[in-house]
């Protein structure tokens, strides 16, 4: 009977500890590669990734899937940022050049460009394209030509 109780205590302790959330850091050749939260052997919460110790991306996981807002960097400058849902790009994604200026914004649905793609030159909207499942279905070479074709459509949110 004593052994049965001891086995039950040991098993229950193992079960409860494995579900506990804990922070991990992974290193390669002495430099950090990744860091974030694990629970039940799955990535959860906020994670950061590095290349040779330099931050390359950061964002949220839910049950081992990218979920929420993510930033991707090149030379310590944000190159792209946007939302994931179950590892798929969703909603608006913003892309930046090497000087951190916004150059493109794209709408995604389940990892496919669906909606509008906005092109910027010197932070000013210069062209608009419309896509459906990665196929271009329309193009306007200026804000004004787009507005003429869509008089009831408000670009206020898109121009930010």
C-alpha atoms as a PDB file:
ATOM      1  CA  UNK A   1       0.000   0.000   0.000  1.00  0.00           C
ATOM      2  CA  UNK A   2       2.862   2.394   0.839  1.00  0.00           C
ATOM      3  CA  UNK A   3       4.352   1.802  -2.603  1.00  0.00           C
ATOM      4  CA  UNK A   4       1.035   2.472  -4.323  1.00  0.00           C
ATOM      5  CA  UNK A   5       0.673   5.808  -2.500  1.00  0.00           C
ATOM      6  CA  UNK A   6       4.279   6.715  -3.351  1.00  0.00           C
ATOM      7  CA  UNK A   7       3.703   5.866  -7.030  1.00  0.00           C
ATOM      8  CA  UNK A   8       0.479   7.929  -7.094  1.00  0.00           C
ATOM      9  CA  UNK A   9       2.232  10.936  -5.488  1.00  0.00           C
ATOM     10  CA  UNK A  10       5.140  10.680  -7.935  1.00  0.00           C
ATOM     11  CA  UNK A  11       2.834  10.395 -10.967  1.00  0.00           C
ATOM     12  CA  UNK A  12       0.602  13.264  -9.863  1.00  0.00           C
ATOM     13  CA  UNK A  13       3.658  15.420  -9.191  1.00  0.00           C
ATOM     14  CA  UNK A  14       4.982  14.679 -12.696  1.00  0.00           C
ATOM     15  CA  UNK A  15       1.586  15.404 -14.263  1.00  0.00           C
ATOM     16  CA  UNK A  16       1.138  18.754 -12.524  1.00  0.00           C
ATOM     17  CA  UNK A  17       4.728  19.908 -13.143  1.00  0.00           C
ATOM     18  CA  UNK A  18       4.568  19.109 -16.878  1.00  0.00           C
ATOM     19  CA  UNK A  19       1.575  21.397 -17.319  1.00  0.00           C
ATOM     20  CA  UNK A  20       3.274  24.247 -15.472  1.00  0.00           C
ATOM     21  CA  UNK A  21       4.281  27.242 -17.605  1.00  0.00           C
ATOM     22  CA  UNK A  22       8.031  27.882 -17.667  1.00  0.00           C
ATOM     23  CA  UNK A  23      10.495  30.185 -19.447  1.00  0.00           C
ATOM     24  CA  UNK A  24      13.180  28.722 -21.697  1.00  0.00           C
ATOM     25  CA  UNK A  25      16.247  30.113 -23.444  1.00  0.00           C
ATOM     26  CA  UNK A  26      18.040  28.233 -26.212  1.00  0.00           C
ATOM     27  CA  UNK A  27      21.680  28.908 -27.089  1.00  0.00           C
ATOM     28  CA  UNK A  28      23.981  27.912 -29.949  1.00  0.00           C
ATOM     29  CA  UNK A  29      27.733  28.531 -29.728  1.00  0.00           C
ATOM     30  CA  UNK A  30      27.171  30.695 -26.673  1.00  0.00           C
ATOM     31  CA  UNK A  31      24.679  33.037 -28.402  1.00  0.00           C
ATOM     32  CA  UNK A  32      20.974  33.129 -27.708  1.00  0.00           C
ATOM     33  CA  UNK A  33      18.804  31.627 -30.474  1.00  0.00           C
ATOM     34  CA  UNK A  34      15.332  31.820 -28.933  1.00  0.00           C
ATOM     35  CA  UNK A  35      13.528  32.503 -25.704  1.00  0.00           C
ATOM     36  CA  UNK A  36       9.939  32.206 -24.612  1.00  0.00           C
ATOM     37  CA  UNK A  37       7.296  30.362 -22.648  1.00  0.00           C
ATOM     38  CA  UNK A  38       6.507  26.636 -22.781  1.00  0.00           C
ATOM     39  CA  UNK A  39       3.528  24.792 -21.390  1.00  0.00           C
ATOM     40  CA  UNK A  40       2.692  21.123 -21.979  1.00  0.00           C
ATOM     41  CA  UNK A  41       5.710  20.910 -24.342  1.00  0.00           C
ATOM     42  CA  UNK A  42       4.181  23.632 -26.556  1.00  0.00           C
ATOM     43  CA  UNK A  43       5.251  27.209 -27.238  1.00  0.00           C
ATOM     44  CA  UNK A  44       2.864  29.647 -25.628  1.00  0.00           C
ATOM     45  CA  UNK A  45       2.899  33.338 -24.912  1.00  0.00           C
ATOM     46  CA  UNK A  46       5.624  35.717 -26.042  1.00  0.00           C
ATOM     47  CA  UNK A  47       8.697  34.454 -27.964  1.00  0.00           C
ATOM     48  CA  UNK A  48      11.822  36.061 -29.417  1.00  0.00           C
ATOM     49  CA  UNK A  49      14.188  34.651 -32.057  1.00  0.00           C
ATOM     50  CA  UNK A  50      17.768  35.668 -32.751  1.00  0.00           C
ATOM     51  CA  UNK A  51      20.457  35.146 -35.379  1.00  0.00           C
ATOM     52  CA  UNK A  52      23.983  35.365 -33.951  1.00  0.00           C
ATOM     53  CA  UNK A  53      22.533  37.143 -30.928  1.00  0.00           C
ATOM     54  CA  UNK A  54      20.628  39.772 -32.987  1.00  0.00           C
ATOM     55  CA  UNK A  55      16.831  39.891 -32.719  1.00  0.00           C
ATOM     56  CA  UNK A  56      15.129  38.628 -35.922  1.00  0.00           C
ATOM     57  CA  UNK A  57      11.503  38.177 -34.844  1.00  0.00           C
ATOM     58  CA  UNK A  58       9.170  38.341 -31.891  1.00  0.00           C
ATOM     59  CA  UNK A  59       5.537  37.584 -31.262  1.00  0.00           C
ATOM     60  CA  UNK A  60       2.960  35.378 -29.593  1.00  0.00           C
ATOM     61  CA  UNK A  61       2.239  31.668 -29.708  1.00  0.00           C
ATOM     62  CA  UNK A  62      -0.825  29.748 -28.665  1.00  0.00           C
ATOM     63  CA  UNK A  63      -0.440  25.965 -28.457  1.00  0.00           C
ATOM     64  CA  UNK A  64       2.633  25.937 -30.743  1.00  0.00           C
ATOM     65  CA  UNK A  65       1.009  28.192 -33.394  1.00  0.00           C
ATOM     66  CA  UNK A  66       1.825  31.816 -34.154  1.00  0.00           C
ATOM     67  CA  UNK A  67      -1.142  33.843 -32.944  1.00  0.00           C
ATOM     68  CA  UNK A  68      -1.321  37.577 -32.503  1.00  0.00           C
ATOM     69  CA  UNK A  69       0.962  40.381 -33.590  1.00  0.00           C
ATOM     70  CA  UNK A  70       4.496  39.626 -34.851  1.00  0.00           C
ATOM     71  CA  UNK A  71       7.499  41.762 -35.802  1.00  0.00           C
ATOM     72  CA  UNK A  72      10.268  40.613 -38.159  1.00  0.00           C
ATOM     73  CA  UNK A  73      13.609  42.429 -38.229  1.00  0.00           C
ATOM     74  CA  UNK A  74      16.596  42.797 -40.516  1.00  0.00           C
ATOM     75  CA  UNK A  75      19.678  44.625 -39.238  1.00  0.00           C
ATOM     76  CA  UNK A  76      17.700  45.525 -36.098  1.00  0.00           C
ATOM     77  CA  UNK A  77      15.049  47.398 -38.158  1.00  0.00           C
ATOM     78  CA  UNK A  78      11.434  46.235 -38.439  1.00  0.00           C
ATOM     79  CA  UNK A  79      11.015  44.833 -41.970  1.00  0.00           C
ATOM     80  CA  UNK A  80       7.470  43.520 -41.631  1.00  0.00           C
ATOM     81  CA  UNK A  81       4.790  43.280 -39.003  1.00  0.00           C
ATOM     82  CA  UNK A  82       1.293  41.918 -38.756  1.00  0.00           C
ATOM     83  CA  UNK A  83      -1.161  39.416 -37.308  1.00  0.00           C
ATOM     84  CA  UNK A  84      -1.077  35.635 -37.340  1.00  0.00           C
ATOM     85  CA  UNK A  85      -3.898  33.259 -36.557  1.00  0.00           C
ATOM     86  CA  UNK A  86      -2.933  29.580 -36.368  1.00  0.00           C
ATOM     87  CA  UNK A  87       0.324  30.261 -38.274  1.00  0.00           C
ATOM     88  CA  UNK A  88      -1.518  32.078 -41.108  1.00  0.00           C
ATOM     89  CA  UNK A  89      -1.107  35.747 -41.941  1.00  0.00           C
ATOM     90  CA  UNK A  90      -4.359  37.606 -41.285  1.00  0.00           C
ATOM     91  CA  UNK A  91      -5.566  41.171 -41.645  1.00  0.00           C
ATOM     92  CA  UNK A  92      -3.131  44.015 -42.398  1.00  0.00           C
ATOM     93  CA  UNK A  93       0.615  43.482 -42.748  1.00  0.00           C
ATOM     94  CA  UNK A  94       2.999  46.415 -43.026  1.00  0.00           C
ATOM     95  CA  UNK A  95       6.363  46.227 -44.800  1.00  0.00           C
ATOM     96  CA  UNK A  96       9.199  48.709 -44.236  1.00  0.00           C
ATOM     97  CA  UNK A  97      12.376  49.621 -46.119  1.00  0.00           C
ATOM     98  CA  UNK A  98      15.887  49.802 -44.681  1.00  0.00           C
ATOM     99  CA  UNK A  99      15.168  53.291 -43.290  1.00  0.00           C
ATOM    100  CA  UNK A 100      12.034  52.055 -41.457  1.00  0.00           C
ATOM    101  CA  UNK A 101       9.674  53.851 -43.844  1.00  0.00           C
ATOM    102  CA  UNK A 102       6.402  52.084 -44.583  1.00  0.00           C
ATOM    103  CA  UNK A 103       6.513  50.936 -48.225  1.00  0.00           C
ATOM    104  CA  UNK A 104       3.633  48.457 -48.553  1.00  0.00           C
ATOM    105  CA  UNK A 105       0.540  47.394 -46.612  1.00  0.00           C
ATOM    106  CA  UNK A 106      -1.240  44.164 -47.555  1.00  0.00           C
ATOM    107  CA  UNK A 107      -4.463  42.538 -46.435  1.00  0.00           C
ATOM    108  CA  UNK A 108      -4.286  38.787 -45.834  1.00  0.00           C
ATOM    109  CA  UNK A 109      -6.894  36.095 -45.295  1.00  0.00           C
ATOM    110  CA  UNK A 110      -5.507  32.661 -44.345  1.00  0.00           C
ATOM    111  CA  UNK A 111      -2.038  33.457 -45.727  1.00  0.00           C
ATOM    112  CA  UNK A 112      -3.397  34.706 -49.079  1.00  0.00           C
ATOM    113  CA  UNK A 113      -3.400  38.329 -50.210  1.00  0.00           C
ATOM    114  CA  UNK A 114      -7.105  39.155 -50.232  1.00  0.00           C
ATOM    115  CA  UNK A 115      -8.238  42.751 -50.190  1.00  0.00           C
ATOM    116  CA  UNK A 116      -6.079  45.772 -50.829  1.00  0.00           C
ATOM    117  CA  UNK A 117      -2.356  46.275 -51.275  1.00  0.00           C
ATOM    118  CA  UNK A 118      -1.225  49.836 -50.673  1.00  0.00           C
ATOM    119  CA  UNK A 119       2.095  51.128 -52.014  1.00  0.00           C
ATOM    120  CA  UNK A 120       3.810  54.126 -50.473  1.00  0.00           C
ATOM    121  CA  UNK A 121       6.524  56.406 -51.799  1.00  0.00           C
ATOM    122  CA  UNK A 122       8.127  58.671 -49.193  1.00  0.00           C
ATOM    123  CA  UNK A 123       5.306  57.776 -46.787  1.00  0.00           C
ATOM    124  CA  UNK A 124       2.629  58.934 -49.270  1.00  0.00           C
ATOM    125  CA  UNK A 125       0.140  56.531 -50.804  1.00  0.00           C
ATOM    126  CA  UNK A 126       1.165  56.105 -54.461  1.00  0.00           C
ATOM    127  CA  UNK A 127      -0.742  53.063 -55.754  1.00  0.00           C
ATOM    128  CA  UNK A 128      -3.561  50.717 -54.718  1.00  0.00           C
ATOM    129  CA  UNK A 129      -4.122  47.162 -55.921  1.00  0.00           C
ATOM    130  CA  UNK A 130      -6.995  44.835 -55.108  1.00  0.00           C
ATOM    131  CA  UNK A 131      -6.504  41.074 -54.721  1.00  0.00           C
ATOM    132  CA  UNK A 132      -8.638  38.004 -54.293  1.00  0.00           C
ATOM    133  CA  UNK A 133      -6.798  34.874 -53.112  1.00  0.00           C
ATOM    134  CA  UNK A 134      -3.402  36.135 -54.377  1.00  0.00           C
ATOM    135  CA  UNK A 135      -4.821  37.170 -57.799  1.00  0.00           C
ATOM    136  CA  UNK A 136      -4.810  40.854 -58.724  1.00  0.00           C
ATOM    137  CA  UNK A 137      -8.275  42.029 -59.774  1.00  0.00           C
ATOM    138  CA  UNK A 138      -7.768  45.811 -59.833  1.00  0.00           C
ATOM    139  CA  UNK A 139      -5.148  48.548 -59.853  1.00  0.00           C
ATOM    140  CA  UNK A 140      -5.217  52.311 -59.306  1.00  0.00           C
ATOM    141  CA  UNK A 141      -2.133  54.435 -59.739  1.00  0.00           C
ATOM    142  CA  UNK A 142      -3.058  57.094 -57.202  1.00  0.00           C
ATOM    143  CA  UNK A 143      -5.205  57.753 -54.210  1.00  0.00           C
ATOM    144  CA  UNK A 144      -7.399  60.023 -56.336  1.00  0.00           C
ATOM    145  CA  UNK A 145      -8.011  57.449 -59.076  1.00  0.00           C
ATOM    146  CA  UNK A 146      -8.937  54.890 -56.415  1.00  0.00           C
ATOM    147  CA  UNK A 147     -11.240  57.381 -54.701  1.00  0.00           C
ATOM    148  CA  UNK A 148     -12.923  58.174 -58.045  1.00  0.00           C
ATOM    149  CA  UNK A 149     -13.611  54.486 -58.656  1.00  0.00           C
ATOM    150  CA  UNK A 150     -14.838  53.975 -55.047  1.00  0.00           C
ATOM    151  CA  UNK A 151     -16.600  57.224 -53.999  1.00  0.00           C
ATOM    152  CA  UNK A 152     -18.249  55.694 -50.911  1.00  0.00           C
ATOM    153  CA  UNK A 153     -15.109  53.978 -49.661  1.00  0.00           C
ATOM    154  CA  UNK A 154     -13.142  55.669 -46.852  1.00  0.00           C
ATOM    155  CA  UNK A 155      -9.376  55.377 -47.086  1.00  0.00           C
ATOM    156  CA  UNK A 156      -8.748  57.100 -43.765  1.00  0.00           C
ATOM    157  CA  UNK A 157      -7.879  53.860 -42.006  1.00  0.00           C
ATOM    158  CA  UNK A 158      -5.879  52.576 -44.970  1.00  0.00           C
ATOM    159  CA  UNK A 159      -3.700  55.690 -45.209  1.00  0.00           C
ATOM    160  CA  UNK A 160      -2.291  55.364 -41.660  1.00  0.00           C
END
